[in-house]
Amino acid sequence: MFQPGDDQTIVVIAATPHRMTHAPAPQLMVSPAERAVLDRLVRAQTSERQLVQGAQIVISAAHGVANKRIAAELGVNLMTVLLWRRRFEAGRLAGLRTSPRPGRAPTCTLADGDLVIAMTLERIAPRQGAARSGPAVRPGPAARRGRQPA
């Protein structure tokens, strides 16, 4: 036990909170040809939202931006950034394409769905010169009271 006046050396260790830190993710290496494709994906009006997001993440990672900062700038979860980085590292540009979704496979093709929609629209489209079909229109409250609506 330490008593005042003893010739013992006291070492004081400052208590600092210990935080586990991870080394920053290495910069993604992207070839000029891949970068051109990624830029086109981001600028294209017809690109899928998820594909654009993945391309933006890969471009930022190629510039050496930290994963947490990419997530904050794009408004996504950190796990989303890590997923897109892994997909690009594993399959390059082909890895960014949407992977098959879990669950039962669709029973009809997109062309079948388009055909059903077209047939439905043809069946319910009004014919020119035809009177309105269906149930009679019930007069509103103003007409029932004998007044003209304003």
Protein backbone atom coordinates (compact mmCIF):
# COMPACT_ATOMS: atom_id res chain seq x y z
CA MET A 1 0.00 0.00 0.00
CA PHE A 2 1.31 3.43 -0.87
CA GLN A 3 1.94 5.85 1.96
CA PRO A 4 2.86 9.51 1.45
CA GLY A 5 6.59 9.95 1.70
CA ASP A 6 7.48 6.44 0.45
CA ASP A 7 10.21 6.18 -2.16
CA GLN A 8 8.05 4.27 -4.60
CA THR A 9 7.54 5.39 -8.16
CA ILE A 10 3.94 5.77 -9.15
CA VAL A 11 2.98 5.30 -12.75
CA VAL A 12 -0.34 6.84 -13.69
CA ILE A 13 -2.00 5.41 -16.74
CA ALA A 14 -4.53 7.74 -18.21
CA ALA A 15 -7.79 6.01 -18.83
CA THR A 16 -8.78 6.56 -22.43
CA PRO A 17 -11.67 4.86 -24.13
CA HIS A 18 -10.42 2.14 -26.39
CA ARG A 19 -12.12 2.06 -29.77
CA MET A 20 -11.61 -0.70 -32.24
CA THR A 21 -10.52 0.89 -35.44
CA HIS A 22 -10.36 -0.78 -38.80
CA ALA A 23 -7.80 -0.03 -41.41
CA PRO A 24 -9.33 1.93 -44.27
CA ALA A 25 -10.46 -0.16 -47.19
CA PRO A 26 -7.94 -0.23 -50.00
CA GLN A 27 -8.66 1.89 -53.05
CA LEU A 28 -10.47 -0.06 -55.76
CA MET A 29 -8.44 -0.42 -58.90
CA VAL A 30 -10.60 0.44 -61.92
CA SER A 31 -9.32 0.40 -65.49
CA PRO A 32 -10.03 3.39 -67.76
CA ALA A 33 -12.41 1.23 -69.83
CA GLU A 34 -14.32 0.17 -66.69
CA ARG A 35 -14.42 3.77 -65.50
CA ALA A 36 -15.94 4.87 -68.83
CA VAL A 37 -18.67 2.22 -68.51
CA LEU A 38 -19.37 3.22 -64.89
CA ASP A 39 -19.65 6.88 -65.87
CA ARG A 40 -22.10 6.00 -68.67
CA LEU A 41 -24.21 3.97 -66.23
CA VAL A 42 -24.42 6.88 -63.81
CA ARG A 43 -25.36 9.40 -66.53
CA ALA A 44 -27.81 7.21 -68.47
CA GLN A 45 -31.48 8.09 -68.03
CA THR A 46 -32.57 4.47 -68.44
CA SER A 47 -30.20 2.81 -65.93
CA GLU A 48 -31.78 0.98 -63.02
CA ARG A 49 -31.55 2.87 -59.73
CA GLN A 50 -29.66 0.05 -58.00
CA LEU A 51 -27.14 -0.21 -60.81
CA VAL A 52 -26.52 3.55 -60.71
CA GLN A 53 -26.04 3.37 -56.95
CA GLY A 54 -23.55 0.52 -57.32
CA ALA A 55 -21.64 2.41 -60.01
CA GLN A 56 -21.49 5.53 -57.82
CA ILE A 57 -20.14 3.48 -54.92
CA VAL A 58 -17.47 1.87 -57.10
CA ILE A 59 -16.42 5.23 -58.57
CA SER A 60 -16.07 6.76 -55.08
CA ALA A 61 -14.15 3.71 -53.84
CA ALA A 62 -11.84 4.00 -56.86
CA HIS A 63 -11.07 7.59 -55.77
CA GLY A 64 -10.06 6.24 -52.34
CA VAL A 65 -13.05 7.63 -50.43
CA ALA A 66 -13.65 5.83 -47.10
CA ASN A 67 -16.59 3.42 -46.97
CA LYS A 68 -18.34 5.34 -44.17
CA ARG A 69 -18.04 8.58 -46.10
CA ILE A 70 -19.42 6.95 -49.26
CA ALA A 71 -22.38 5.66 -47.25
CA ALA A 72 -23.02 9.11 -45.76
CA GLU A 73 -22.70 10.95 -49.09
CA LEU A 74 -25.03 8.57 -50.93
CA GLY A 75 -27.45 8.12 -48.03
CA VAL A 76 -27.05 4.36 -47.87
CA ASN A 77 -26.12 1.86 -45.20
CA LEU A 78 -22.46 0.95 -44.73
CA MET A 79 -23.33 -2.68 -45.51
CA THR A 80 -24.66 -1.56 -48.91
CA VAL A 81 -21.30 0.03 -49.71
CA LEU A 82 -19.47 -3.13 -48.64
CA LEU A 83 -21.82 -5.29 -50.74
CA TRP A 84 -21.23 -3.28 -53.94
CA ARG A 85 -17.48 -3.20 -53.36
CA ARG A 86 -17.41 -7.00 -52.94
CA ARG A 87 -19.58 -7.54 -56.00
CA PHE A 88 -17.29 -5.39 -58.12
CA GLU A 89 -14.12 -7.00 -56.77
CA ALA A 90 -15.51 -10.50 -57.43
CA GLY A 91 -17.04 -10.00 -60.87
CA ARG A 92 -15.86 -6.58 -62.05
CA LEU A 93 -18.56 -4.90 -64.24
CA ALA A 94 -20.54 -8.12 -64.66
CA GLY A 95 -20.74 -8.39 -60.87
CA LEU A 96 -22.74 -5.17 -60.71
CA ARG A 97 -25.64 -6.62 -62.65
CA THR A 98 -28.59 -7.57 -60.47
CA SER A 99 -28.23 -11.01 -59.00
CA PRO A 100 -31.18 -13.41 -59.05
CA ARG A 101 -33.66 -12.75 -56.28
CA PRO A 102 -34.63 -15.41 -53.77
CA GLY A 103 -38.00 -17.08 -54.01
CA ARG A 104 -39.99 -18.84 -56.67
CA ALA A 105 -39.13 -18.12 -60.28
CA PRO A 106 -41.69 -16.06 -62.25
CA THR A 107 -44.31 -18.16 -64.04
CA CYS A 108 -44.70 -15.77 -66.96
CA THR A 109 -42.26 -13.71 -68.96
CA LEU A 110 -42.24 -9.93 -69.27
CA ALA A 111 -43.65 -10.32 -72.80
CA ASP A 112 -46.59 -12.32 -71.39
CA GLY A 113 -47.26 -9.54 -68.88
CA ASP A 114 -47.15 -6.89 -71.60
CA LEU A 115 -49.63 -8.93 -73.66
CA VAL A 116 -52.07 -9.19 -70.74
CA ILE A 117 -51.88 -5.43 -70.16
CA ALA A 118 -52.44 -4.66 -73.86
CA MET A 119 -55.44 -7.02 -74.06
CA THR A 120 -56.94 -5.50 -70.91
CA LEU A 121 -56.55 -1.98 -72.22
CA GLU A 122 -58.11 -2.90 -75.56
CA ARG A 123 -61.10 -4.46 -73.84
CA ILE A 124 -61.85 -1.49 -71.59
CA ALA A 125 -60.94 1.34 -73.98
CA PRO A 126 -64.03 3.35 -74.97
CA ARG A 127 -65.14 2.93 -78.54
CA GLN A 128 -65.50 6.10 -80.59
CA GLY A 129 -69.06 7.37 -80.67
CA ALA A 130 -70.25 4.83 -78.10
CA ALA A 131 -72.34 5.98 -75.20
CA ARG A 132 -71.01 5.40 -71.70
CA SER A 133 -71.75 1.89 -70.63
CA GLY A 134 -72.04 0.61 -67.10
CA PRO A 135 -74.28 1.58 -64.21
CA ALA A 136 -76.27 4.77 -64.52
CA VAL A 137 -74.75 7.85 -62.98
CA ARG A 138 -76.59 8.78 -59.82
CA PRO A 139 -77.36 12.51 -59.63
CA GLY A 140 -75.46 14.47 -57.01
CA PRO A 141 -77.07 16.19 -53.99
CA ALA A 142 -77.55 19.53 -55.82
CA ALA A 143 -79.51 17.87 -58.65
CA ARG A 144 -81.69 15.95 -56.20
CA ARG A 145 -82.67 19.20 -54.49
CA GLY A 146 -83.58 20.81 -57.82
CA ARG A 147 -80.59 23.15 -58.07
CA GLN A 148 -77.91 23.44 -60.64
CA PRO A 149 -74.41 22.80 -59.35
CA ALA A 150 -72.24 25.93 -59.17
